[in-house]
PDB file of N, CA and C in Angstrom:
ATOM      1  N   MET A   1       0.848  -1.170   0.000  1.00  0.00           N
ATOM      2  CA  MET A   1       0.000   0.000   0.000  1.00  0.00           C
ATOM      3  C   MET A   1       0.897   1.238   0.000  1.00  0.00           C
ATOM      4  N   THR A   2       0.606   2.172  -0.860  1.00  0.00           N
ATOM      5  CA  THR A   2       1.396   3.395  -0.911  1.00  0.00           C
ATOM      6  C   THR A   2       1.038   4.295   0.263  1.00  0.00           C
ATOM      7  N   MET A   3       1.856   5.305   0.477  1.00  0.00           N
ATOM      8  CA  MET A   3       1.594   6.230   1.575  1.00  0.00           C
ATOM      9  C   MET A   3       0.255   6.953   1.391  1.00  0.00           C
ATOM     10  N   ASN A   4      -0.063   7.383   0.158  1.00  0.00           N
ATOM     11  CA  ASN A   4      -1.332   8.063  -0.096  1.00  0.00           C
ATOM     12  C   ASN A   4      -2.523   7.155   0.166  1.00  0.00           C
ATOM     13  N   GLU A   5      -2.416   5.878  -0.254  1.00  0.00           N
ATOM     14  CA  GLU A   5      -3.510   4.937  -0.009  1.00  0.00           C
ATOM     15  C   GLU A   5      -3.704   4.709   1.482  1.00  0.00           C
ATOM     16  N   ASN A   6      -2.605   4.627   2.229  1.00  0.00           N
ATOM     17  CA  ASN A   6      -2.673   4.428   3.667  1.00  0.00           C
ATOM     18  C   ASN A   6      -3.352   5.614   4.347  1.00  0.00           C
ATOM     19  N   VAL A   7      -3.014   6.822   3.943  1.00  0.00           N
ATOM     20  CA  VAL A   7      -3.634   8.018   4.516  1.00  0.00           C
ATOM     21  C   VAL A   7      -5.125   8.024   4.229  1.00  0.00           C
ATOM     22  N   LEU A   8      -5.520   7.683   2.992  1.00  0.00           N
ATOM     23  CA  LEU A   8      -6.945   7.650   2.648  1.00  0.00           C
ATOM     24  C   LEU A   8      -7.694   6.613   3.463  1.00  0.00           C
ATOM     25  N   GLN A   9      -7.100   5.450   3.695  1.00  0.00           N
ATOM     26  CA  GLN A   9      -7.756   4.403   4.471  1.00  0.00           C
ATOM     27  C   GLN A   9      -8.056   4.877   5.890  1.00  0.00           C
ATOM     28  N   GLN A  10      -7.190   5.706   6.470  1.00  0.00           N
ATOM     29  CA  GLN A  10      -7.403   6.183   7.830  1.00  0.00           C
ATOM     30  C   GLN A  10      -8.663   7.039   7.937  1.00  0.00           C
ATOM     31  N   TYR A  11      -9.026   7.733   6.864  1.00  0.00           N
ATOM     32  CA  TYR A  11     -10.176   8.627   6.898  1.00  0.00           C
ATOM     33  C   TYR A  11     -11.452   8.000   6.364  1.00  0.00           C
ATOM     34  N   ARG A  12     -11.362   6.800   5.862  1.00  0.00           N
ATOM     35  CA  ARG A  12     -12.542   6.127   5.327  1.00  0.00           C
ATOM     36  C   ARG A  12     -13.462   5.738   6.476  1.00  0.00           C
ATOM     37  N   THR A  13     -14.721   6.135   6.390  1.00  0.00           N
ATOM     38  CA  THR A  13     -15.653   5.844   7.477  1.00  0.00           C
ATOM     39  C   THR A  13     -16.714   4.825   7.090  1.00  0.00           C
ATOM     40  N   GLU A  14     -16.812   4.487   5.818  1.00  0.00           N
ATOM     41  CA  GLU A  14     -17.822   3.536   5.393  1.00  0.00           C
ATOM     42  C   GLU A  14     -17.273   2.118   5.501  1.00  0.00           C
ATOM     43  N   LYS A  15     -18.191   1.175   5.716  1.00  0.00           N
ATOM     44  CA  LYS A  15     -17.757  -0.212   5.701  1.00  0.00           C
ATOM     45  C   LYS A  15     -18.883  -1.113   5.218  1.00  0.00           C
ATOM     46  N   THR A  16     -18.485  -2.230   4.666  1.00  0.00           N
ATOM     47  CA  THR A  16     -19.428  -3.239   4.200  1.00  0.00           C
ATOM     48  C   THR A  16     -19.680  -4.221   5.334  1.00  0.00           C
ATOM     49  N   VAL A  17     -20.957  -4.528   5.554  1.00  0.00           N
ATOM     50  CA  VAL A  17     -21.325  -5.466   6.607  1.00  0.00           C
ATOM     51  C   VAL A  17     -22.347  -6.466   6.070  1.00  0.00           C
ATOM     52  N   VAL A  18     -22.384  -7.619   6.700  1.00  0.00           N
ATOM     53  CA  VAL A  18     -23.403  -8.623   6.411  1.00  0.00           C
ATOM     54  C   VAL A  18     -24.270  -8.736   7.653  1.00  0.00           C
ATOM     55  N   LYS A  19     -25.570  -8.555   7.466  1.00  0.00           N
ATOM     56  CA  LYS A  19     -26.509  -8.633   8.586  1.00  0.00           C
ATOM     57  C   LYS A  19     -27.344  -9.897   8.439  1.00  0.00           C
ATOM     58  N   THR A  20     -27.465 -10.647   9.521  1.00  0.00           N
ATOM     59  CA  THR A  20     -28.200 -11.905   9.498  1.00  0.00           C
ATOM     60  C   THR A  20     -29.422 -11.892  10.427  1.00  0.00           C
ATOM     61  N   LYS A  21     -29.619 -10.780  11.138  1.00  0.00           N
ATOM     62  CA  LYS A  21     -30.770 -10.681  12.032  1.00  0.00           C
ATOM     63  C   LYS A  21     -31.162  -9.216  12.200  1.00  0.00           C
ATOM     64  N   THR A  22     -32.296  -8.978  12.846  1.00  0.00           N
ATOM     65  CA  THR A  22     -32.805  -7.632  13.076  1.00  0.00           C
ATOM     66  C   THR A  22     -31.756  -6.787  13.786  1.00  0.00           C
ATOM     67  N   CYS A  23     -31.587  -5.545  13.307  1.00  0.00           N
ATOM     68  CA  CYS A  23     -30.567  -4.674  13.893  1.00  0.00           C
ATOM     69  C   CYS A  23     -30.819  -3.220  13.518  1.00  0.00           C
ATOM     70  N   THR A  24     -30.090  -2.330  14.165  1.00  0.00           N
ATOM     71  CA  THR A  24     -30.026  -0.922  13.797  1.00  0.00           C
ATOM     72  C   THR A  24     -28.617  -0.666  13.282  1.00  0.00           C
ATOM     73  N   LEU A  25     -28.528  -0.088  12.097  1.00  0.00           N
ATOM     74  CA  LEU A  25     -27.229   0.193  11.503  1.00  0.00           C
ATOM     75  C   LEU A  25     -26.548   1.356  12.199  1.00  0.00           C
ATOM     76  N   THR A  26     -25.223   1.379  12.123  1.00  0.00           N
ATOM     77  CA  THR A  26     -24.463   2.540  12.571  1.00  0.00           C
ATOM     78  C   THR A  26     -24.243   3.443  11.356  1.00  0.00           C
ATOM     79  N   PRO A  27     -23.903   4.701  11.558  1.00  0.00           N
ATOM     80  CA  PRO A  27     -23.666   5.591  10.417  1.00  0.00           C
ATOM     81  C   PRO A  27     -22.522   5.135   9.506  1.00  0.00           C
ATOM     82  N   GLU A  28     -21.636   4.300   9.991  1.00  0.00           N
ATOM     83  CA  GLU A  28     -20.520   3.811   9.189  1.00  0.00           C
ATOM     84  C   GLU A  28     -20.891   2.600   8.327  1.00  0.00           C
ATOM     85  N   GLU A  29     -21.964   1.917   8.664  1.00  0.00           N
ATOM     86  CA  GLU A  29     -22.362   0.707   7.940  1.00  0.00           C
ATOM     87  C   GLU A  29     -23.195   1.095   6.727  1.00  0.00           C
ATOM     88  N   THR A  30     -22.524   1.519   5.676  1.00  0.00           N
ATOM     89  CA  THR A  30     -23.211   2.102   4.523  1.00  0.00           C
ATOM     90  C   THR A  30     -23.415   1.136   3.369  1.00  0.00           C
ATOM     91  N   ASN A  31     -22.730   0.023   3.366  1.00  0.00           N
ATOM     92  CA  ASN A  31     -22.903  -0.992   2.326  1.00  0.00           C
ATOM     93  C   ASN A  31     -23.337  -2.274   3.032  1.00  0.00           C
ATOM     94  N   VAL A  32     -24.626  -2.604   2.915  1.00  0.00           N
ATOM     95  CA  VAL A  32     -25.200  -3.671   3.740  1.00  0.00           C
ATOM     96  C   VAL A  32     -25.703  -4.809   2.872  1.00  0.00           C
ATOM     97  N   LYS A  33     -25.207  -5.995   3.176  1.00  0.00           N
ATOM     98  CA  LYS A  33     -25.697  -7.219   2.549  1.00  0.00           C
ATOM     99  C   LYS A  33     -26.545  -7.936   3.596  1.00  0.00           C
ATOM    100  N   VAL A  34     -27.788  -8.240   3.240  1.00  0.00           N
ATOM    101  CA  VAL A  34     -28.689  -8.887   4.192  1.00  0.00           C
ATOM    102  C   VAL A  34     -28.850 -10.344   3.798  1.00  0.00           C
ATOM    103  N   ASP A  35     -28.434 -11.234   4.701  1.00  0.00           N
ATOM    104  CA  ASP A  35     -28.508 -12.667   4.470  1.00  0.00           C
ATOM    105  C   ASP A  35     -29.134 -13.311   5.702  1.00  0.00           C
ATOM    106  N   ALA A  36     -30.431 -13.137   5.845  1.00  0.00           N
ATOM    107  CA  ALA A  36     -31.132 -13.591   7.046  1.00  0.00           C
ATOM    108  C   ALA A  36     -31.953 -14.839   6.769  1.00  0.00           C
ATOM    109  N   ALA A  37     -32.054 -15.690   7.776  1.00  0.00           N
ATOM    110  CA  ALA A  37     -32.829 -16.916   7.657  1.00  0.00           C
ATOM    111  C   ALA A  37     -34.251 -16.744   8.186  1.00  0.00           C
ATOM    112  N   ALA A  38     -34.517 -15.634   8.848  1.00  0.00           N
ATOM    113  CA  ALA A  38     -35.844 -15.382   9.421  1.00  0.00           C
ATOM    114  C   ALA A  38     -36.242 -13.937   9.139  1.00  0.00           C
ATOM    115  N   ALA A  39     -37.486 -13.615   9.426  1.00  0.00           N
ATOM    116  CA  ALA A  39     -37.962 -12.247   9.231  1.00  0.00           C
ATOM    117  C   ALA A  39     -37.018 -11.273   9.928  1.00  0.00           C
ATOM    118  N   THR A  40     -36.601 -10.257   9.189  1.00  0.00           N
ATOM    119  CA  THR A  40     -35.581  -9.339   9.679  1.00  0.00           C
ATOM    120  C   THR A  40     -35.989  -7.904   9.403  1.00  0.00           C
ATOM    121  N   VAL A  41     -35.724  -7.019  10.370  1.00  0.00           N
ATOM    122  CA  VAL A  41     -35.945  -5.593  10.186  1.00  0.00           C
ATOM    123  C   VAL A  41     -34.595  -4.894  10.327  1.00  0.00           C
ATOM    124  N   ILE A  42     -34.217  -4.174   9.285  1.00  0.00           N
ATOM    125  CA  ILE A  42     -32.989  -3.391   9.313  1.00  0.00           C
ATOM    126  C   ILE A  42     -33.405  -1.938   9.508  1.00  0.00           C
ATOM    127  N   THR A  43     -32.991  -1.344  10.626  1.00  0.00           N
ATOM    128  CA  THR A  43     -33.336   0.040  10.931  1.00  0.00           C
ATOM    129  C   THR A  43     -32.160   0.931  10.565  1.00  0.00           C
ATOM    130  N   LEU A  44     -32.452   1.977   9.796  1.00  0.00           N
ATOM    131  CA  LEU A  44     -31.422   2.937   9.417  1.00  0.00           C
ATOM    132  C   LEU A  44     -31.020   3.767  10.638  1.00  0.00           C
ATOM    133  N   PRO A  45     -29.803   4.280  10.658  1.00  0.00           N
ATOM    134  CA  PRO A  45     -29.381   5.113  11.788  1.00  0.00           C
ATOM    135  C   PRO A  45     -30.112   6.454  11.818  1.00  0.00           C
ATOM    136  N   PRO A  46     -29.986   7.196  12.912  1.00  0.00           N
ATOM    137  CA  PRO A  46     -30.624   8.507  12.998  1.00  0.00           C
ATOM    138  C   PRO A  46     -30.163   9.440  11.863  1.00  0.00           C
ATOM    139  N   VAL A  47     -31.099  10.195  11.298  1.00  0.00           N
ATOM    140  CA  VAL A  47     -30.764  11.071  10.169  1.00  0.00           C
ATOM    141  C   VAL A  47     -29.739  12.135  10.552  1.00  0.00           C
ATOM    142  N   ALA A  48     -29.776  12.627  11.779  1.00  0.00           N
ATOM    143  CA  ALA A  48     -28.837  13.664  12.199  1.00  0.00           C
ATOM    144  C   ALA A  48     -27.387  13.187  12.142  1.00  0.00           C
ATOM    145  N   GLU A  49     -27.171  11.872  12.232  1.00  0.00           N
ATOM    146  CA  GLU A  49     -25.822  11.308  12.201  1.00  0.00           C
ATOM    147  C   GLU A  49     -25.384  10.905  10.797  1.00  0.00           C
ATOM    148  N   CYS A  50     -26.272  11.035   9.814  1.00  0.00           N
ATOM    149  CA  CYS A  50     -25.989  10.493   8.482  1.00  0.00           C
ATOM    150  C   CYS A  50     -26.031  11.528   7.358  1.00  0.00           C
ATOM    151  N   ARG A  51     -26.041  12.780   7.693  1.00  0.00           N
ATOM    152  CA  ARG A  51     -26.149  13.834   6.676  1.00  0.00           C
ATOM    153  C   ARG A  51     -25.073  13.665   5.599  1.00  0.00           C
ATOM    154  N   GLY A  52     -25.541  13.622   4.334  1.00  0.00           N
ATOM    155  CA  GLY A  52     -24.638  13.506   3.194  1.00  0.00           C
ATOM    156  C   GLY A  52     -24.179  12.093   2.880  1.00  0.00           C
ATOM    157  N   LYS A  53     -24.723  11.107   3.553  1.00  0.00           N
ATOM    158  CA  LYS A  53     -24.285   9.721   3.333  1.00  0.00           C
ATOM    159  C   LYS A  53     -25.260   8.955   2.453  1.00  0.00           C
ATOM    160  N   TYR A  54     -24.688   8.012   1.718  1.00  0.00           N
ATOM    161  CA  TYR A  54     -25.444   7.071   0.895  1.00  0.00           C
ATOM    162  C   TYR A  54     -25.399   5.710   1.566  1.00  0.00           C
ATOM    163  N   PHE A  55     -26.527   5.008   1.533  1.00  0.00           N
ATOM    164  CA  PHE A  55     -26.600   3.661   2.080  1.00  0.00           C
ATOM    165  C   PHE A  55     -27.110   2.716   0.994  1.00  0.00           C
ATOM    166  N   ALA A  56     -26.361   1.666   0.734  1.00  0.00           N
ATOM    167  CA  ALA A  56     -26.750   0.649  -0.245  1.00  0.00           C
ATOM    168  C   ALA A  56     -27.075  -0.627   0.514  1.00  0.00           C
ATOM    169  N   LEU A  57     -28.277  -1.146   0.306  1.00  0.00           N
ATOM    170  CA  LEU A  57     -28.691  -2.374   0.969  1.00  0.00           C
ATOM    171  C   LEU A  57     -29.089  -3.385  -0.094  1.00  0.00           C
ATOM    172  N   ARG A  58     -28.628  -4.645   0.092  1.00  0.00           N
ATOM    173  CA  ARG A  58     -28.887  -5.671  -0.919  1.00  0.00           C
ATOM    174  C   ARG A  58     -29.210  -6.989  -0.243  1.00  0.00           C
ATOM    175  N   GLN A  59     -30.196  -7.686  -0.807  1.00  0.00           N
ATOM    176  CA  GLN A  59     -30.589  -9.016  -0.333  1.00  0.00           C
ATOM    177  C   GLN A  59     -29.619 -10.038  -0.927  1.00  0.00           C
ATOM    178  N   THR A  60     -28.896 -10.757  -0.075  1.00  0.00           N
ATOM    179  CA  THR A  60     -27.970 -11.783  -0.567  1.00  0.00           C
ATOM    180  C   THR A  60     -28.415 -13.188  -0.202  1.00  0.00           C
ATOM    181  N   GLY A  61     -29.467 -13.294   0.590  1.00  0.00           N
ATOM    182  CA  GLY A  61     -30.008 -14.608   0.952  1.00  0.00           C
ATOM    183  C   GLY A  61     -31.325 -14.852   0.237  1.00  0.00           C
ATOM    184  N   THR A  62     -31.816 -16.067   0.326  1.00  0.00           N
ATOM    185  CA  THR A  62     -33.055 -16.414  -0.368  1.00  0.00           C
ATOM    186  C   THR A  62     -34.162 -16.890   0.563  1.00  0.00           C
ATOM    187  N   THR A  63     -33.914 -16.893   1.870  1.00  0.00           N
ATOM    188  CA  THR A  63     -34.897 -17.494   2.768  1.00  0.00           C
ATOM    189  C   THR A  63     -35.762 -16.506   3.533  1.00  0.00           C
ATOM    190  N   ALA A  64     -35.418 -15.233   3.543  1.00  0.00           N
ATOM    191  CA  ALA A  64     -36.210 -14.245   4.291  1.00  0.00           C
ATOM    192  C   ALA A  64     -36.401 -12.989   3.458  1.00  0.00           C
ATOM    193  N   ASN A  65     -37.388 -12.201   3.814  1.00  0.00           N
ATOM    194  CA  ASN A  65     -37.662 -10.937   3.132  1.00  0.00           C
ATOM    195  C   ASN A  65     -37.430  -9.783   4.107  1.00  0.00           C
ATOM    196  N   PRO A  66     -36.209  -9.264   4.170  1.00  0.00           N
ATOM    197  CA  PRO A  66     -35.931  -8.196   5.132  1.00  0.00           C
ATOM    198  C   PRO A  66     -36.681  -6.912   4.811  1.00  0.00           C
ATOM    199  N   THR A  67     -37.061  -6.212   5.858  1.00  0.00           N
ATOM    200  CA  THR A  67     -37.740  -4.933   5.750  1.00  0.00           C
ATOM    201  C   THR A  67     -36.771  -3.842   6.208  1.00  0.00           C
ATOM    202  N   ILE A  68     -36.730  -2.747   5.469  1.00  0.00           N
ATOM    203  CA  ILE A  68     -35.888  -1.604   5.808  1.00  0.00           C
ATOM    204  C   ILE A  68     -36.795  -0.524   6.381  1.00  0.00           C
ATOM    205  N   THR A  69     -36.425   0.027   7.527  1.00  0.00           N
ATOM    206  CA  THR A  69     -37.207   1.092   8.131  1.00  0.00           C
ATOM    207  C   THR A  69     -36.281   2.176   8.662  1.00  0.00           C
ATOM    208  N   HIS A  70     -36.857   3.271   9.130  1.00  0.00           N
ATOM    209  CA  HIS A  70     -36.045   4.372   9.646  1.00  0.00           C
ATOM    210  C   HIS A  70     -36.038   4.356  11.169  1.00  0.00           C
ATOM    211  N   TYR A  71     -35.192   5.161  11.742  1.00  0.00           N
ATOM    212  CA  TYR A  71     -34.990   5.233  13.190  1.00  0.00           C
ATOM    213  C   TYR A  71     -36.182   5.852  13.903  1.00  0.00           C
ATOM    214  N   GLY A  72     -37.049   6.515  13.142  1.00  0.00           N
ATOM    215  CA  GLY A  72     -38.211   7.168  13.714  1.00  0.00           C
ATOM    216  C   GLY A  72     -38.115   8.679  13.650  1.00  0.00           C
ATOM    217  N   ASP A  73     -37.018   9.165  13.070  1.00  0.00           N
ATOM    218  CA  ASP A  73     -36.784  10.607  13.049  1.00  0.00           C
ATOM    219  C   ASP A  73     -36.770  11.202  11.646  1.00  0.00           C
ATOM    220  N   SER A  74     -37.065  10.419  10.641  1.00  0.00           N
ATOM    221  CA  SER A  74     -37.042  10.900   9.260  1.00  0.00           C
ATOM    222  C   SER A  74     -38.357  11.600   8.917  1.00  0.00           C
ATOM    223  N   VAL A  75     -38.238  12.793   8.377  1.00  0.00           N
ATOM    224  CA  VAL A  75     -39.411  13.569   7.974  1.00  0.00           C
ATOM    225  C   VAL A  75     -40.143  12.831   6.854  1.00  0.00           C
ATOM    226  N   ASP A  76     -41.431  12.636   6.996  1.00  0.00           N
ATOM    227  CA  ASP A  76     -42.304  12.081   5.956  1.00  0.00           C
ATOM    228  C   ASP A  76     -41.982  10.653   5.515  1.00  0.00           C
ATOM    229  N   TRP A  77     -41.333   9.851   6.337  1.00  0.00           N
ATOM    230  CA  TRP A  77     -41.025   8.472   5.935  1.00  0.00           C
ATOM    231  C   TRP A  77     -42.301   7.712   5.586  1.00  0.00           C
ATOM    232  N   ALA A  78     -43.287   7.789   6.449  1.00  0.00           N
ATOM    233  CA  ALA A  78     -44.516   7.016   6.258  1.00  0.00           C
ATOM    234  C   ALA A  78     -45.275   7.429   4.998  1.00  0.00           C
ATOM    235  N   THR A  79     -45.259   8.708   4.653  1.00  0.00           N
ATOM    236  CA  THR A  79     -46.042   9.162   3.501  1.00  0.00           C
ATOM    237  C   THR A  79     -45.264   9.145   2.190  1.00  0.00           C
ATOM    238  N   THR A  80     -43.930   9.226   2.247  1.00  0.00           N
ATOM    239  CA  THR A  80     -43.167   9.269   0.996  1.00  0.00           C
ATOM    240  C   THR A  80     -42.483   7.961   0.657  1.00  0.00           C
ATOM    241  N   ILE A  81     -42.043   7.223   1.658  1.00  0.00           N
ATOM    242  CA  ILE A  81     -41.324   5.971   1.394  1.00  0.00           C
ATOM    243  C   ILE A  81     -42.176   4.768   1.766  1.00  0.00           C
ATOM    244  N   GLY A  82     -42.739   4.778   2.956  1.00  0.00           N
ATOM    245  CA  GLY A  82     -43.546   3.647   3.394  1.00  0.00           C
ATOM    246  C   GLY A  82     -42.684   2.471   3.773  1.00  0.00           C
ATOM    247  N   THR A  83     -42.982   1.313   3.232  1.00  0.00           N
ATOM    248  CA  THR A  83     -42.255   0.095   3.559  1.00  0.00           C
ATOM    249  C   THR A  83     -41.325  -0.287   2.425  1.00  0.00           C
ATOM    250  N   ILE A  84     -40.087  -0.592   2.767  1.00  0.00           N
ATOM    251  CA  ILE A  84     -39.139  -1.132   1.791  1.00  0.00           C
ATOM    252  C   ILE A  84     -38.894  -2.579   2.176  1.00  0.00           C
ATOM    253  N   THR A  85     -39.232  -3.491   1.306  1.00  0.00           N
ATOM    254  CA  THR A  85     -39.004  -4.909   1.552  1.00  0.00           C
ATOM    255  C   THR A  85     -38.196  -5.487   0.400  1.00  0.00           C
ATOM    256  N   LEU A  86     -37.116  -6.161   0.745  1.00  0.00           N
ATOM    257  CA  LEU A  86     -36.297  -6.846  -0.247  1.00  0.00           C
ATOM    258  C   LEU A  86     -36.833  -8.268  -0.362  1.00  0.00           C
ATOM    259  N   ASN A  87     -37.561  -8.543  -1.448  1.00  0.00           N
ATOM    260  CA  ASN A  87     -38.315  -9.791  -1.568  1.00  0.00           C
ATOM    261  C   ASN A  87     -37.581 -10.958  -2.211  1.00  0.00           C
ATOM    262  N   ALA A  88     -36.479 -10.688  -2.898  1.00  0.00           N
ATOM    263  CA  ALA A  88     -35.817 -11.770  -3.626  1.00  0.00           C
ATOM    264  C   ALA A  88     -34.308 -11.541  -3.658  1.00  0.00           C
ATOM    265  N   LEU A  89     -33.596 -12.580  -3.989  1.00  0.00           N
ATOM    266  CA  LEU A  89     -32.144 -12.516  -4.122  1.00  0.00           C
ATOM    267  C   LEU A  89     -31.758 -11.381  -5.063  1.00  0.00           C
ATOM    268  N   HIS A  90     -30.834 -10.548  -4.630  1.00  0.00           N
ATOM    269  CA  HIS A  90     -30.282  -9.406  -5.368  1.00  0.00           C
ATOM    270  C   HIS A  90     -31.201  -8.189  -5.440  1.00  0.00           C
ATOM    271  N   ASP A  91     -32.368  -8.204  -4.778  1.00  0.00           N
ATOM    272  CA  ASP A  91     -33.143  -6.967  -4.655  1.00  0.00           C
ATOM    273  C   ASP A  91     -32.266  -5.973  -3.899  1.00  0.00           C
ATOM    274  N   ARG A  92     -32.353  -4.692  -4.282  1.00  0.00           N
ATOM    275  CA  ARG A  92     -31.500  -3.712  -3.635  1.00  0.00           C
ATOM    276  C   ARG A  92     -32.115  -2.323  -3.677  1.00  0.00           C
ATOM    277  N   VAL A  93     -31.599  -1.470  -2.785  1.00  0.00           N
ATOM    278  CA  VAL A  93     -32.073  -0.095  -2.707  1.00  0.00           C
ATOM    279  C   VAL A  93     -30.884   0.798  -2.333  1.00  0.00           C
ATOM    280  N   LEU A  94     -30.854   1.993  -2.931  1.00  0.00           N
ATOM    281  CA  LEU A  94     -29.840   2.994  -2.621  1.00  0.00           C
ATOM    282  C   LEU A  94     -30.540   4.189  -2.003  1.00  0.00           C
ATOM    283  N   LEU A  95     -30.142   4.554  -0.791  1.00  0.00           N
ATOM    284  CA  LEU A  95     -30.756   5.648  -0.044  1.00  0.00           C
ATOM    285  C   LEU A  95     -29.742   6.757   0.199  1.00  0.00           C
ATOM    286  N   PHE A  96     -30.240   7.981   0.280  1.00  0.00           N
ATOM    287  CA  PHE A  96     -29.412   9.132   0.611  1.00  0.00           C
ATOM    288  C   PHE A  96     -30.059   9.861   1.783  1.00  0.00           C
ATOM    289  N   CYS A  97     -29.232  10.368   2.690  1.00  0.00           N
ATOM    290  CA  CYS A  97     -29.737  11.116   3.840  1.00  0.00           C
ATOM    291  C   CYS A  97     -29.280  12.572   3.737  1.00  0.00           C
ATOM    292  N   ASP A  98     -30.225  13.490   3.853  1.00  0.00           N
ATOM    293  CA  ASP A  98     -29.892  14.918   3.803  1.00  0.00           C
ATOM    294  C   ASP A  98     -29.810  15.543   5.196  1.00  0.00           C
ATOM    295  N   GLY A  99     -29.867  14.734   6.229  1.00  0.00           N
ATOM    296  CA  GLY A  99     -29.801  15.227   7.599  1.00  0.00           C
ATOM    297  C   GLY A  99     -31.163  15.423   8.238  1.00  0.00           C
ATOM    298  N   GLU A 100     -32.220  15.385   7.419  1.00  0.00           N
ATOM    299  CA  GLU A 100     -33.584  15.494   7.938  1.00  0.00           C
ATOM    300  C   GLU A 100     -34.456  14.328   7.503  1.00  0.00           C
ATOM    301  N   CYS A 101     -34.170  13.787   6.322  1.00  0.00           N
ATOM    302  CA  CYS A 101     -34.965  12.661   5.846  1.00  0.00           C
ATOM    303  C   CYS A 101     -34.133  11.782   4.915  1.00  0.00           C
ATOM    304  N   TRP A 102     -34.686  10.600   4.653  1.00  0.00           N
ATOM    305  CA  TRP A 102     -34.082   9.643   3.736  1.00  0.00           C
ATOM    306  C   TRP A 102     -34.735   9.775   2.378  1.00  0.00           C
ATOM    307  N   TRP A 103     -33.937   9.611   1.338  1.00  0.00           N
ATOM    308  CA  TRP A 103     -34.403   9.669  -0.043  1.00  0.00           C
ATOM    309  C   TRP A 103     -34.045   8.361  -0.731  1.00  0.00           C
ATOM    310  N   VAL A 104     -35.019   7.745  -1.414  1.00  0.00           N
ATOM    311  CA  VAL A 104     -34.727   6.563  -2.226  1.00  0.00           C
ATOM    312  C   VAL A 104     -34.234   7.072  -3.571  1.00  0.00           C
ATOM    313  N   LEU A 105     -32.970   6.825  -3.869  1.00  0.00           N
ATOM    314  CA  LEU A 105     -32.399   7.278  -5.131  1.00  0.00           C
ATOM    315  C   LEU A 105     -32.676   6.299  -6.259  1.00  0.00           C
ATOM    316  N   THR A 106     -32.560   5.031  -5.946  1.00  0.00           N
ATOM    317  CA  THR A 106     -32.852   3.993  -6.931  1.00  0.00           C
ATOM    318  C   THR A 106     -33.135   2.687  -6.205  1.00  0.00           C
ATOM    319  N   ASP A 107     -33.873   1.846  -6.866  1.00  0.00           N
ATOM    320  CA  ASP A 107     -34.125   0.518  -6.314  1.00  0.00           C
ATOM    321  C   ASP A 107     -34.275  -0.487  -7.436  1.00  0.00           C
ATOM    322  N   TYR A 108     -34.123  -1.748  -7.092  1.00  0.00           N
ATOM    323  CA  TYR A 108     -34.311  -2.828  -8.045  1.00  0.00           C
ATOM    324  C   TYR A 108     -34.977  -3.962  -7.300  1.00  0.00           C
ATOM    325  N   PHE A 109     -36.182  -4.261  -7.702  1.00  0.00           N
ATOM    326  CA  PHE A 109     -36.933  -5.363  -7.088  1.00  0.00           C
ATOM    327  C   PHE A 109     -37.344  -6.334  -8.180  1.00  0.00           C
ATOM    328  N   THR A 110     -37.100  -7.608  -7.928  1.00  0.00           N
ATOM    329  CA  THR A 110     -37.465  -8.620  -8.928  1.00  0.00           C
ATOM    330  C   THR A 110     -38.878  -9.095  -8.721  1.00  0.00           C
TER     331      THR A 110
END
């Protein structure tokens, strides 16, 4: 690793995680693979902690249909987004947080 790459790694705050059960994400867990064997709810972190961040969530398992929800502090979640459910292998959603609410930028559902 070069010196520049090493310096960049120190400041990187995003990480890829695999979730297998119901949980609340941290602001650093921005690339999420969900591989759950049972009904699972993935709760996004508080919007105040995620301003300017993108979150990518993808279904990597075939036995459960995870639901994505917010921490309870997102403006208009119930009326603009509602329920996000990843129903099949490789279903995915890309979300952006502006510090007050979550925005669905793109999704792919089979």
